[in-house]
Amino acid sequence: MKENIYQCCEYVPIGIADDAEDLIAPLALANAVLTSDEKRSGCVLVDFGADTTTVSVYKNNILRHLAVIPLGGNNITKDICNQQIEEEDAEMLKIKYGKAFIDPNVEVDENKTYTLDNKCSIQAILLEDIVEARLNEILDNVTNQIVLSGYENKLLAGAIITGGGINLKNMEEAFIKRTKIEKVRVAKDTLLSLKGIEIRKDGTNNTLLALL
């Protein structure tokens, strides 16, 4: 991958600085999203991506633990596809109707159906079960990595969550319920200042901006 990048730069051509460093995406993201107080006090940064979920644990301004879980938002979409639904439609159903957390005290209408422009439909209770089940699996893996870090009781700044996955409805509630971390900040934007360009503030571009 590194050789391909260098080759692309040669073709353009764009020179590579002699002192250029190889950036690791989670480190660049942390520098762009976390405050110095959060890094010092102790926090976990969770980046919910399409294909992976990255967990970075910081304490006293040092990265203490880093793990990339091979599960992301696309896994939820593929689970919905198993109901004989096209991938593009499944993604739209997830975005429009999917909920990360379902309040058990709210009565469920078993006859309710979600429809997408008359192209496809799915039982509401089925879609909610699919989304919640896969997300719980991802959050359980996140919790496990926090425990493995050995800093689960030392994260005074709590958790900072970012990435496209944070746009799932009730995501913050689901994270709190599953990980038992009560202090959560949703980072839909970076700490970087941009001039002359409008970027969607939904977390989807945070890693890209951090690397740039």
Protein backbone atom coordinates (compact mmCIF):
# COMPACT_ATOMS: atom_id res chain seq x y z
CA MET A 1 0.00 0.00 0.00
CA LYS A 2 2.83 2.35 0.91
CA GLU A 3 4.64 1.62 -2.38
CA ASN A 4 1.44 2.29 -4.35
CA ILE A 5 1.06 5.70 -2.71
CA TYR A 6 4.65 6.65 -3.53
CA GLN A 7 4.15 5.45 -7.11
CA CYS A 8 0.99 7.56 -7.47
CA CYS A 9 2.92 10.62 -6.28
CA GLU A 10 5.58 9.97 -8.91
CA TYR A 11 2.97 9.76 -11.69
CA VAL A 12 1.23 13.06 -10.79
CA PRO A 13 4.03 14.22 -10.14
CA ILE A 14 4.11 15.39 -6.52
CA GLY A 15 7.32 15.49 -4.57
CA ILE A 16 7.57 13.78 -1.18
CA ALA A 17 9.36 15.71 1.54
CA ASP A 18 12.53 14.07 2.83
CA ASP A 19 11.27 14.31 6.38
CA ALA A 20 7.79 13.02 5.59
CA GLU A 21 6.40 10.69 8.22
CA ASP A 22 4.06 7.75 7.74
CA LEU A 23 0.81 8.66 9.46
CA ILE A 24 -1.33 6.06 11.18
CA ALA A 25 -4.98 7.04 10.73
CA PRO A 26 -6.12 6.47 14.36
CA LEU A 27 -3.26 8.65 15.67
CA ALA A 28 -4.01 11.43 13.19
CA LEU A 29 -7.72 11.22 14.06
CA ALA A 30 -6.99 11.44 17.78
CA ASN A 31 -4.87 14.57 17.25
CA ALA A 32 -7.72 16.16 15.31
CA VAL A 33 -10.61 15.17 17.58
CA LEU A 34 -9.34 14.85 21.17
CA THR A 35 -8.52 17.78 23.42
CA SER A 36 -5.32 17.85 25.45
CA ASP A 37 -7.39 17.57 28.64
CA GLU A 38 -9.08 14.41 27.38
CA LYS A 39 -5.77 12.78 26.47
CA ARG A 40 -4.28 13.70 29.83
CA SER A 41 -7.26 12.73 32.01
CA GLY A 42 -7.78 9.45 30.17
CA CYS A 43 -10.30 8.63 27.47
CA VAL A 44 -11.25 6.13 24.81
CA LEU A 45 -11.74 7.28 21.23
CA VAL A 46 -14.04 5.01 19.21
CA ASP A 47 -14.25 5.52 15.46
CA PHE A 48 -17.28 3.75 13.96
CA GLY A 49 -16.35 3.25 10.31
CA ALA A 50 -17.94 1.39 7.42
CA ASP A 51 -15.81 -1.76 7.60
CA THR A 52 -13.92 -1.37 10.88
CA THR A 53 -14.31 0.09 14.36
CA THR A 54 -11.15 1.54 15.90
CA VAL A 55 -10.59 1.79 19.66
CA SER A 56 -7.83 4.09 20.98
CA VAL A 57 -7.21 4.45 24.72
CA TYR A 58 -5.28 7.48 26.01
CA LYS A 59 -3.96 8.29 29.47
CA ASN A 60 -1.46 10.98 30.52
CA ASN A 61 -1.13 12.09 26.89
CA ILE A 62 0.10 8.64 25.82
CA LEU A 63 -1.63 6.13 23.56
CA ARG A 64 -1.98 3.10 25.85
CA HIS A 65 -4.00 0.72 23.67
CA LEU A 66 -5.02 0.55 20.01
CA ALA A 67 -7.24 -2.05 18.34
CA VAL A 68 -9.03 -2.25 15.01
CA ILE A 69 -12.18 -4.40 15.14
CA PRO A 70 -13.14 -5.85 11.72
CA LEU A 71 -16.79 -4.88 12.11
CA GLY A 72 -18.56 -1.70 11.04
CA GLY A 73 -21.65 -0.13 9.57
CA ASN A 74 -21.47 -2.23 6.40
CA ASN A 75 -21.99 -5.36 8.48
CA ILE A 76 -25.38 -4.01 9.59
CA THR A 77 -26.26 -3.25 5.97
CA LYS A 78 -25.29 -6.78 4.88
CA ASP A 79 -27.46 -8.28 7.62
CA ILE A 80 -30.42 -6.32 6.26
CA CYS A 81 -29.56 -7.58 2.75
CA ASN A 82 -30.17 -11.12 4.02
CA GLN A 83 -33.88 -10.27 3.95
CA GLN A 84 -33.75 -10.32 0.12
CA ILE A 85 -33.16 -6.57 -0.04
CA GLU A 86 -30.70 -4.89 -2.41
CA GLU A 87 -27.60 -3.42 -0.75
CA GLU A 88 -28.37 0.16 -1.75
CA ASP A 89 -31.90 -0.14 -0.37
CA ALA A 90 -30.65 -1.85 2.77
CA GLU A 91 -28.27 1.07 3.42
CA MET A 92 -31.12 3.54 2.98
CA LEU A 93 -33.38 1.57 5.34
CA LYS A 94 -30.62 1.55 7.95
CA ILE A 95 -30.02 5.29 7.66
CA LYS A 96 -33.69 6.29 7.55
CA TYR A 97 -35.23 3.89 10.06
CA GLY A 98 -32.45 2.06 11.92
CA LYS A 99 -32.12 2.60 15.67
CA ALA A 100 -29.07 1.74 17.75
CA PHE A 101 -31.12 1.43 20.91
CA ILE A 102 -34.74 0.42 21.46
CA ASP A 103 -36.36 1.49 24.72
CA PRO A 104 -37.71 -1.74 26.28
CA ASN A 105 -40.41 0.28 28.05
CA VAL A 106 -41.96 1.44 24.78
CA GLU A 107 -44.65 -0.85 23.38
CA VAL A 108 -43.77 -2.28 19.97
CA ASP A 109 -46.28 -2.38 17.13
CA GLU A 110 -45.65 -5.80 15.58
CA ASN A 111 -47.63 -4.87 12.46
CA LYS A 112 -45.64 -1.74 11.68
CA THR A 113 -43.72 -1.79 8.38
CA TYR A 114 -40.95 0.40 7.00
CA THR A 115 -41.26 1.13 3.29
CA LEU A 116 -38.70 2.71 0.98
CA ASP A 117 -40.22 4.59 -1.99
CA ASN A 118 -42.45 1.62 -2.78
CA LYS A 119 -39.33 -0.37 -3.76
CA CYS A 120 -39.03 -2.57 -0.71
CA SER A 121 -40.40 -2.99 2.79
CA ILE A 122 -39.47 -4.70 6.01
CA GLN A 123 -41.19 -5.30 9.33
CA ALA A 124 -40.19 -2.56 11.75
CA ILE A 125 -39.53 -4.99 14.59
CA LEU A 126 -37.31 -7.13 12.32
CA LEU A 127 -35.21 -4.17 11.15
CA GLU A 128 -34.79 -2.92 14.71
CA ASP A 129 -33.75 -6.38 15.91
CA ILE A 130 -31.17 -6.72 13.10
CA VAL A 131 -29.62 -3.29 13.69
CA GLU A 132 -29.55 -3.59 17.48
CA ALA A 133 -28.13 -7.14 17.46
CA ARG A 134 -25.20 -6.35 15.15
CA LEU A 135 -24.45 -3.05 16.87
CA ASN A 136 -24.45 -4.76 20.27
CA GLU A 137 -21.86 -7.19 18.90
CA ILE A 138 -19.68 -4.25 17.83
CA LEU A 139 -20.12 -2.48 21.17
CA ASP A 140 -19.31 -5.66 23.09
CA ASN A 141 -16.04 -5.90 21.16
CA VAL A 142 -15.34 -2.25 21.98
CA THR A 143 -15.98 -2.90 25.67
CA ASN A 144 -13.68 -5.92 25.58
CA GLN A 145 -10.84 -3.85 24.10
CA ILE A 146 -11.28 -1.19 26.78
CA VAL A 147 -11.01 -3.90 29.45
CA LEU A 148 -7.96 -5.41 27.74
CA SER A 149 -6.27 -2.00 27.86
CA GLY A 150 -6.27 -2.15 31.64
CA TYR A 151 -7.51 1.44 31.85
CA GLU A 152 -11.28 0.87 32.04
CA ASN A 153 -11.44 2.46 35.52
CA LYS A 154 -9.01 5.30 34.75
CA LEU A 155 -10.78 7.07 31.89
CA LEU A 156 -11.83 10.25 33.67
CA ALA A 157 -12.76 11.99 30.41
CA GLY A 158 -14.96 9.07 29.37
CA ALA A 159 -15.51 8.17 25.73
CA ILE A 160 -15.40 10.19 22.53
CA ILE A 161 -17.23 8.58 19.61
CA THR A 162 -16.91 9.58 15.96
CA GLY A 163 -17.20 8.17 12.43
CA GLY A 164 -20.19 7.62 10.18
CA GLY A 165 -21.74 5.16 12.65
CA ILE A 166 -22.56 7.91 15.14
CA ASN A 167 -25.40 9.05 12.86
CA LEU A 168 -27.44 5.97 13.70
CA LYS A 169 -30.43 7.05 15.79
CA ASN A 170 -29.98 6.66 19.59
CA MET A 171 -26.29 5.83 19.13
CA GLU A 172 -25.20 7.68 22.26
CA GLU A 173 -27.79 5.88 24.39
CA ALA A 174 -26.77 2.51 22.96
CA PHE A 175 -23.09 3.19 23.69
CA ILE A 176 -23.78 4.18 27.29
CA LYS A 177 -26.05 1.20 27.95
CA ARG A 178 -23.68 -1.37 26.44
CA THR A 179 -20.27 -0.10 27.60
CA LYS A 180 -21.43 1.33 30.97
CA ILE A 181 -19.41 4.49 30.24
CA GLU A 182 -21.70 7.32 31.27
CA LYS A 183 -19.57 10.24 30.08
CA VAL A 184 -19.75 10.33 26.27
CA ARG A 185 -18.94 13.08 23.78
CA VAL A 186 -20.13 12.73 20.18
CA ALA A 187 -17.49 14.22 17.85
CA LYS A 188 -19.24 15.17 14.62
CA ASP A 189 -16.48 17.64 13.78
CA THR A 190 -12.74 18.01 14.30
CA LEU A 191 -10.79 20.63 16.23
CA LEU A 192 -9.22 21.75 12.94
CA SER A 193 -10.12 25.09 11.40
CA LEU A 194 -10.90 25.04 7.68
CA LYS A 195 -10.98 27.96 5.27
CA GLY A 196 -12.93 28.22 2.04
CA ILE A 197 -14.52 24.77 2.17
CA GLU A 198 -17.73 23.35 3.60
CA ILE A 199 -17.51 19.89 5.16
CA ARG A 200 -20.46 17.87 6.43
CA LYS A 201 -20.33 17.81 10.20
CA ASP A 202 -21.51 14.24 10.68
CA GLY A 203 -18.27 12.47 11.58
CA THR A 204 -17.88 10.72 8.23
CA ASN A 205 -14.96 12.87 7.05
CA ASN A 206 -13.06 13.29 10.33
CA THR A 207 -10.34 10.74 9.58
CA LEU A 208 -9.83 12.11 6.07
CA LEU A 209 -9.52 15.66 7.38
CA ALA A 210 -7.13 14.53 10.10
CA LEU A 211 -4.83 12.84 7.59
CA LEU A 212 -4.89 15.82 5.25
